[in-house]
All heavy atoms as atom14 arrays in JSON, in Angstrom:
{
  "sequence": "SEAETVARSGLELALSTEYASQTAEAHMAL",
  "atom14_mask": [
    [1, 1, 1, 1, 1, 1, 0, 0, 0, 0, 0, 0, 0, 0],
    [1, 1, 1, 1, 1, 1, 1, 1, 1, 0, 0, 0, 0, 0],
    [1, 1, 1, 1, 1, 0, 0, 0, 0, 0, 0, 0, 0, 0],
    [1, 1, 1, 1, 1, 1, 1, 1, 1, 0, 0, 0, 0, 0],
    [1, 1, 1, 1, 1, 1, 1, 0, 0, 0, 0, 0, 0, 0],
    [1, 1, 1, 1, 1, 1, 1, 0, 0, 0, 0, 0, 0, 0],
    [1, 1, 1, 1, 1, 0, 0, 0, 0, 0, 0, 0, 0, 0],
    [1, 1, 1, 1, 1, 1, 1, 1, 1, 1, 1, 0, 0, 0],
    [1, 1, 1, 1, 1, 1, 0, 0, 0, 0, 0, 0, 0, 0],
    [1, 1, 1, 1, 0, 0, 0, 0, 0, 0, 0, 0, 0, 0],
    [1, 1, 1, 1, 1, 1, 1, 1, 0, 0, 0, 0, 0, 0],
    [1, 1, 1, 1, 1, 1, 1, 1, 1, 0, 0, 0, 0, 0],
    [1, 1, 1, 1, 1, 1, 1, 1, 0, 0, 0, 0, 0, 0],
    [1, 1, 1, 1, 1, 0, 0, 0, 0, 0, 0, 0, 0, 0],
    [1, 1, 1, 1, 1, 1, 1, 1, 0, 0, 0, 0, 0, 0],
    [1, 1, 1, 1, 1, 1, 0, 0, 0, 0, 0, 0, 0, 0],
    [1, 1, 1, 1, 1, 1, 1, 0, 0, 0, 0, 0, 0, 0],
    [1, 1, 1, 1, 1, 1, 1, 1, 1, 0, 0, 0, 0, 0],
    [1, 1, 1, 1, 1, 1, 1, 1, 1, 1, 1, 1, 0, 0],
    [1, 1, 1, 1, 1, 0, 0, 0, 0, 0, 0, 0, 0, 0],
    [1, 1, 1, 1, 1, 1, 0, 0, 0, 0, 0, 0, 0, 0],
    [1, 1, 1, 1, 1, 1, 1, 1, 1, 0, 0, 0, 0, 0],
    [1, 1, 1, 1, 1, 1, 1, 0, 0, 0, 0, 0, 0, 0],
    [1, 1, 1, 1, 1, 0, 0, 0, 0, 0, 0, 0, 0, 0],
    [1, 1, 1, 1, 1, 1, 1, 1, 1, 0, 0, 0, 0, 0],
    [1, 1, 1, 1, 1, 0, 0, 0, 0, 0, 0, 0, 0, 0],
    [1, 1, 1, 1, 1, 1, 1, 1, 1, 1, 0, 0, 0, 0],
    [1, 1, 1, 1, 1, 1, 1, 1, 0, 0, 0, 0, 0, 0],
    [1, 1, 1, 1, 1, 0, 0, 0, 0, 0, 0, 0, 0, 0],
    [1, 1, 1, 1, 1, 1, 1, 1, 0, 0, 0, 0, 0, 0]
  ],
  "atom14_positions": [
    [[205.88, -36.12, 97.29], [206.56, -37.25, 96.67], [205.59, -38.07, 95.81], [205.9, -38.4, 94.65], [207.18, -38.14, 97.75], [207.83, -39.23, 97.15], [0.0, 0.0, 0.0], [0.0, 0.0, 0.0], [0.0, 0.0, 0.0], [0.0, 0.0, 0.0], [0.0, 0.0, 0.0], [0.0, 0.0, 0.0], [0.0, 0.0, 0.0], [0.0, 0.0, 0.0]],
    [[204.44, -38.38, 96.37], [203.44, -39.14, 95.61], [202.94, -38.34, 94.41], [202.77, -38.88, 93.31], [202.27, -39.5, 96.53], [201.28, -40.45, 95.91], [200.16, -40.84, 96.87], [200.2, -40.5, 98.06], [199.22, -41.5, 96.38], [0.0, 0.0, 0.0], [0.0, 0.0, 0.0], [0.0, 0.0, 0.0], [0.0, 0.0, 0.0], [0.0, 0.0, 0.0]],
    [[202.76, -37.04, 94.61], [202.3, -36.17, 93.53], [203.3, -36.17, 92.37], [202.92, -36.27, 91.2], [202.11, -34.74, 94.05], [0.0, 0.0, 0.0], [0.0, 0.0, 0.0], [0.0, 0.0, 0.0], [0.0, 0.0, 0.0], [0.0, 0.0, 0.0], [0.0, 0.0, 0.0], [0.0, 0.0, 0.0], [0.0, 0.0, 0.0], [0.0, 0.0, 0.0]],
    [[204.56, -36.06, 92.7], [205.59, -36.05, 91.66], [205.63, -37.37, 90.91], [205.74, -37.39, 89.68], [206.95, -35.73, 92.26], [208.03, -35.64, 91.19], [209.4, -35.29, 91.72], [209.54, -35.01, 92.93], [210.35, -35.3, 90.91], [0.0, 0.0, 0.0], [0.0, 0.0, 0.0], [0.0, 0.0, 0.0], [0.0, 0.0, 0.0], [0.0, 0.0, 0.0]],
    [[205.53, -38.47, 91.64], [205.55, -39.79, 91.0], [204.41, -39.92, 90.0], [204.61, -40.36, 88.86], [205.46, -40.9, 92.06], [206.61, -40.81, 92.91], [205.4, -42.27, 91.43], [0.0, 0.0, 0.0], [0.0, 0.0, 0.0], [0.0, 0.0, 0.0], [0.0, 0.0, 0.0], [0.0, 0.0, 0.0], [0.0, 0.0, 0.0], [0.0, 0.0, 0.0]],
    [[203.21, -39.54, 90.42], [202.04, -39.67, 89.54], [202.16, -38.71, 88.35], [201.88, -39.09, 87.21], [200.74, -39.43, 90.33], [199.54, -39.41, 89.41], [200.57, -40.5, 91.4], [0.0, 0.0, 0.0], [0.0, 0.0, 0.0], [0.0, 0.0, 0.0], [0.0, 0.0, 0.0], [0.0, 0.0, 0.0], [0.0, 0.0, 0.0], [0.0, 0.0, 0.0]],
    [[202.57, -37.47, 88.6], [202.7, -36.49, 87.51], [203.77, -36.92, 86.51], [203.58, -36.79, 85.3], [203.02, -35.11, 88.08], [0.0, 0.0, 0.0], [0.0, 0.0, 0.0], [0.0, 0.0, 0.0], [0.0, 0.0, 0.0], [0.0, 0.0, 0.0], [0.0, 0.0, 0.0], [0.0, 0.0, 0.0], [0.0, 0.0, 0.0], [0.0, 0.0, 0.0]],
    [[204.88, -37.44, 87.01], [205.93, -37.92, 86.09], [205.44, -39.13, 85.28], [205.82, -39.29, 84.12], [207.2, -38.26, 86.86], [207.96, -37.02, 87.3], [209.37, -37.34, 87.78], [209.99, -36.15, 88.31], [210.56, -35.19, 87.58], [210.58, -35.28, 86.27], [211.12, -34.14, 88.17], [0.0, 0.0, 0.0], [0.0, 0.0, 0.0], [0.0, 0.0, 0.0]],
    [[204.61, -39.95, 85.88], [204.04, -41.08, 85.16], [203.17, -40.59, 84.01], [203.23, -41.13, 82.89], [203.22, -41.93, 86.13], [202.51, -42.94, 85.46], [0.0, 0.0, 0.0], [0.0, 0.0, 0.0], [0.0, 0.0, 0.0], [0.0, 0.0, 0.0], [0.0, 0.0, 0.0], [0.0, 0.0, 0.0], [0.0, 0.0, 0.0], [0.0, 0.0, 0.0]],
    [[202.39, -39.55, 84.26], [201.57, -38.96, 83.19], [202.43, -38.37, 82.09], [202.15, -38.53, 80.9], [0.0, 0.0, 0.0], [0.0, 0.0, 0.0], [0.0, 0.0, 0.0], [0.0, 0.0, 0.0], [0.0, 0.0, 0.0], [0.0, 0.0, 0.0], [0.0, 0.0, 0.0], [0.0, 0.0, 0.0], [0.0, 0.0, 0.0], [0.0, 0.0, 0.0]],
    [[203.51, -37.69, 82.49], [204.42, -37.11, 81.5], [205.08, -38.2, 80.68], [205.19, -38.09, 79.46], [205.46, -36.23, 82.19], [206.52, -35.62, 81.28], [205.91, -34.77, 80.17], [207.52, -34.81, 82.1], [0.0, 0.0, 0.0], [0.0, 0.0, 0.0], [0.0, 0.0, 0.0], [0.0, 0.0, 0.0], [0.0, 0.0, 0.0], [0.0, 0.0, 0.0]],
    [[205.51, -39.27, 81.33], [206.15, -40.38, 80.62], [205.21, -40.96, 79.56], [205.61, -41.22, 78.43], [206.57, -41.45, 81.61], [207.34, -42.59, 80.98], [207.79, -43.61, 82.02], [208.22, -43.21, 83.11], [207.7, -44.82, 81.72], [0.0, 0.0, 0.0], [0.0, 0.0, 0.0], [0.0, 0.0, 0.0], [0.0, 0.0, 0.0], [0.0, 0.0, 0.0]],
    [[203.95, -41.14, 79.94], [202.96, -41.64, 78.97], [202.8, -40.65, 77.82], [202.74, -41.04, 76.65], [201.61, -41.85, 79.65], [201.38, -43.19, 80.33], [200.02, -43.19, 81.01], [201.47, -44.33, 79.34], [0.0, 0.0, 0.0], [0.0, 0.0, 0.0], [0.0, 0.0, 0.0], [0.0, 0.0, 0.0], [0.0, 0.0, 0.0], [0.0, 0.0, 0.0]],
    [[202.69, -39.37, 78.16], [202.5, -38.35, 77.12], [203.67, -38.33, 76.15], [203.48, -38.19, 74.94], [202.32, -36.98, 77.77], [0.0, 0.0, 0.0], [0.0, 0.0, 0.0], [0.0, 0.0, 0.0], [0.0, 0.0, 0.0], [0.0, 0.0, 0.0], [0.0, 0.0, 0.0], [0.0, 0.0, 0.0], [0.0, 0.0, 0.0], [0.0, 0.0, 0.0]],
    [[204.87, -38.47, 76.68], [206.06, -38.46, 75.82], [206.11, -39.67, 74.89], [206.81, -39.63, 73.87], [207.33, -38.4, 76.68], [207.58, -37.06, 77.38], [208.69, -37.2, 78.42], [207.88, -35.97, 76.38], [0.0, 0.0, 0.0], [0.0, 0.0, 0.0], [0.0, 0.0, 0.0], [0.0, 0.0, 0.0], [0.0, 0.0, 0.0], [0.0, 0.0, 0.0]],
    [[205.37, -40.71, 75.21], [205.35, -41.9, 74.36], [204.36, -41.76, 73.2], [204.22, -42.68, 72.39], [205.02, -43.15, 75.19], [203.64, -43.17, 75.54], [0.0, 0.0, 0.0], [0.0, 0.0, 0.0], [0.0, 0.0, 0.0], [0.0, 0.0, 0.0], [0.0, 0.0, 0.0], [0.0, 0.0, 0.0], [0.0, 0.0, 0.0], [0.0, 0.0, 0.0]],
    [[203.67, -40.62, 73.15], [202.68, -40.38, 72.11], [203.12, -39.24, 71.19], [204.18, -38.64, 71.41], [201.32, -39.97, 72.72], [201.41, -38.64, 73.22], [200.89, -40.93, 73.82], [0.0, 0.0, 0.0], [0.0, 0.0, 0.0], [0.0, 0.0, 0.0], [0.0, 0.0, 0.0], [0.0, 0.0, 0.0], [0.0, 0.0, 0.0], [0.0, 0.0, 0.0]],
    [[202.3, -38.95, 70.22], [202.52, -37.8, 69.35], [201.56, -36.66, 69.7], [201.39, -35.75, 68.91], [202.34, -38.22, 67.89], [203.38, -39.22, 67.43], [203.21, -39.63, 65.98], [202.4, -39.01, 65.26], [203.9, -40.57, 65.57], [0.0, 0.0, 0.0], [0.0, 0.0, 0.0], [0.0, 0.0, 0.0], [0.0, 0.0, 0.0], [0.0, 0.0, 0.0]],
    [[200.97, -36.72, 70.88], [199.97, -35.73, 71.3], [200.66, -34.53, 71.95], [200.96, -34.53, 73.14], [198.97, -36.35, 72.27], [198.25, -37.57, 71.76], [198.06, -38.67, 72.57], [197.76, -37.63, 70.46], [197.39, -39.8, 72.12], [197.1, -38.76, 69.99], [196.92, -39.83, 70.82], [196.26, -40.95, 70.36], [0.0, 0.0, 0.0], [0.0, 0.0, 0.0]],
    [[200.88, -33.51, 71.16], [201.6, -32.33, 71.64], [200.88, -31.65, 72.8], [201.51, -31.27, 73.79], [201.82, -31.35, 70.49], [0.0, 0.0, 0.0], [0.0, 0.0, 0.0], [0.0, 0.0, 0.0], [0.0, 0.0, 0.0], [0.0, 0.0, 0.0], [0.0, 0.0, 0.0], [0.0, 0.0, 0.0], [0.0, 0.0, 0.0], [0.0, 0.0, 0.0]],
    [[199.58, -31.48, 72.68], [198.84, -30.79, 73.74], [198.92, -31.53, 75.06], [199.14, -30.92, 76.11], [197.38, -30.62, 73.34], [197.26, -29.7, 72.3], [0.0, 0.0, 0.0], [0.0, 0.0, 0.0], [0.0, 0.0, 0.0], [0.0, 0.0, 0.0], [0.0, 0.0, 0.0], [0.0, 0.0, 0.0], [0.0, 0.0, 0.0], [0.0, 0.0, 0.0]],
    [[198.75, -32.85, 75.03], [198.81, -33.62, 76.27], [200.22, -33.59, 76.86], [200.38, -33.54, 78.08], [198.35, -35.06, 76.05], [196.86, -35.23, 76.0], [196.25, -34.72, 74.69], [196.91, -34.65, 73.67], [194.99, -34.36, 74.74], [0.0, 0.0, 0.0], [0.0, 0.0, 0.0], [0.0, 0.0, 0.0], [0.0, 0.0, 0.0], [0.0, 0.0, 0.0]],
    [[201.21, -33.61, 75.99], [202.59, -33.56, 76.48], [202.86, -32.22, 77.15], [203.43, -32.16, 78.24], [203.58, -33.82, 75.34], [203.3, -35.11, 74.77], [205.02, -33.81, 75.84], [0.0, 0.0, 0.0], [0.0, 0.0, 0.0], [0.0, 0.0, 0.0], [0.0, 0.0, 0.0], [0.0, 0.0, 0.0], [0.0, 0.0, 0.0], [0.0, 0.0, 0.0]],
    [[202.45, -31.14, 76.52], [202.64, -29.81, 77.11], [201.87, -29.7, 78.43], [202.4, -29.18, 79.42], [202.2, -28.73, 76.14], [0.0, 0.0, 0.0], [0.0, 0.0, 0.0], [0.0, 0.0, 0.0], [0.0, 0.0, 0.0], [0.0, 0.0, 0.0], [0.0, 0.0, 0.0], [0.0, 0.0, 0.0], [0.0, 0.0, 0.0], [0.0, 0.0, 0.0]],
    [[200.64, -30.2, 78.46], [199.85, -30.17, 79.69], [200.51, -30.98, 80.79], [200.48, -30.59, 81.97], [198.43, -30.68, 79.43], [197.59, -29.74, 78.62], [196.24, -30.33, 78.23], [195.78, -31.29, 78.89], [195.66, -29.83, 77.26], [0.0, 0.0, 0.0], [0.0, 0.0, 0.0], [0.0, 0.0, 0.0], [0.0, 0.0, 0.0], [0.0, 0.0, 0.0]],
    [[201.12, -32.09, 80.44], [201.8, -32.92, 81.44], [203.03, -32.19, 81.99], [203.3, -32.25, 83.2], [202.19, -34.27, 80.84], [0.0, 0.0, 0.0], [0.0, 0.0, 0.0], [0.0, 0.0, 0.0], [0.0, 0.0, 0.0], [0.0, 0.0, 0.0], [0.0, 0.0, 0.0], [0.0, 0.0, 0.0], [0.0, 0.0, 0.0], [0.0, 0.0, 0.0]],
    [[203.76, -31.48, 81.13], [204.88, -30.66, 81.61], [204.37, -29.58, 82.56], [204.98, -29.31, 83.6], [205.62, -30.01, 80.44], [206.57, -30.91, 79.72], [207.69, -31.45, 80.32], [206.57, -31.35, 78.45], [208.35, -32.19, 79.42], [207.68, -32.15, 78.29], [0.0, 0.0, 0.0], [0.0, 0.0, 0.0], [0.0, 0.0, 0.0], [0.0, 0.0, 0.0]],
    [[203.26, -28.96, 82.21], [202.7, -27.91, 83.06], [202.23, -28.46, 84.4], [202.43, -27.83, 85.45], [201.57, -27.19, 82.32], [202.08, -26.37, 81.14], [200.76, -25.56, 80.23], [200.13, -24.48, 81.49], [0.0, 0.0, 0.0], [0.0, 0.0, 0.0], [0.0, 0.0, 0.0], [0.0, 0.0, 0.0], [0.0, 0.0, 0.0], [0.0, 0.0, 0.0]],
    [[201.63, -29.62, 84.38], [201.17, -30.23, 85.64], [202.36, -30.58, 86.52], [202.32, -30.32, 87.74], [200.35, -31.48, 85.35], [0.0, 0.0, 0.0], [0.0, 0.0, 0.0], [0.0, 0.0, 0.0], [0.0, 0.0, 0.0], [0.0, 0.0, 0.0], [0.0, 0.0, 0.0], [0.0, 0.0, 0.0], [0.0, 0.0, 0.0], [0.0, 0.0, 0.0]],
    [[203.41, -31.12, 85.93], [204.6, -31.43, 86.72], [205.2, -30.14, 87.26], [205.65, -30.1, 88.41], [205.61, -32.21, 85.88], [206.91, -32.59, 86.6], [206.64, -33.38, 87.89], [207.81, -33.38, 85.66], [0.0, 0.0, 0.0], [0.0, 0.0, 0.0], [0.0, 0.0, 0.0], [0.0, 0.0, 0.0], [0.0, 0.0, 0.0], [0.0, 0.0, 0.0]]
  ]
}
């Protein structure tokens, strides 16, 4: 549960940027 919360937080931040690599990495981490 904690892992998902933190990973989704990272994905949410990534989605707020134009950084494609970080966004893809955040999807992969989730």
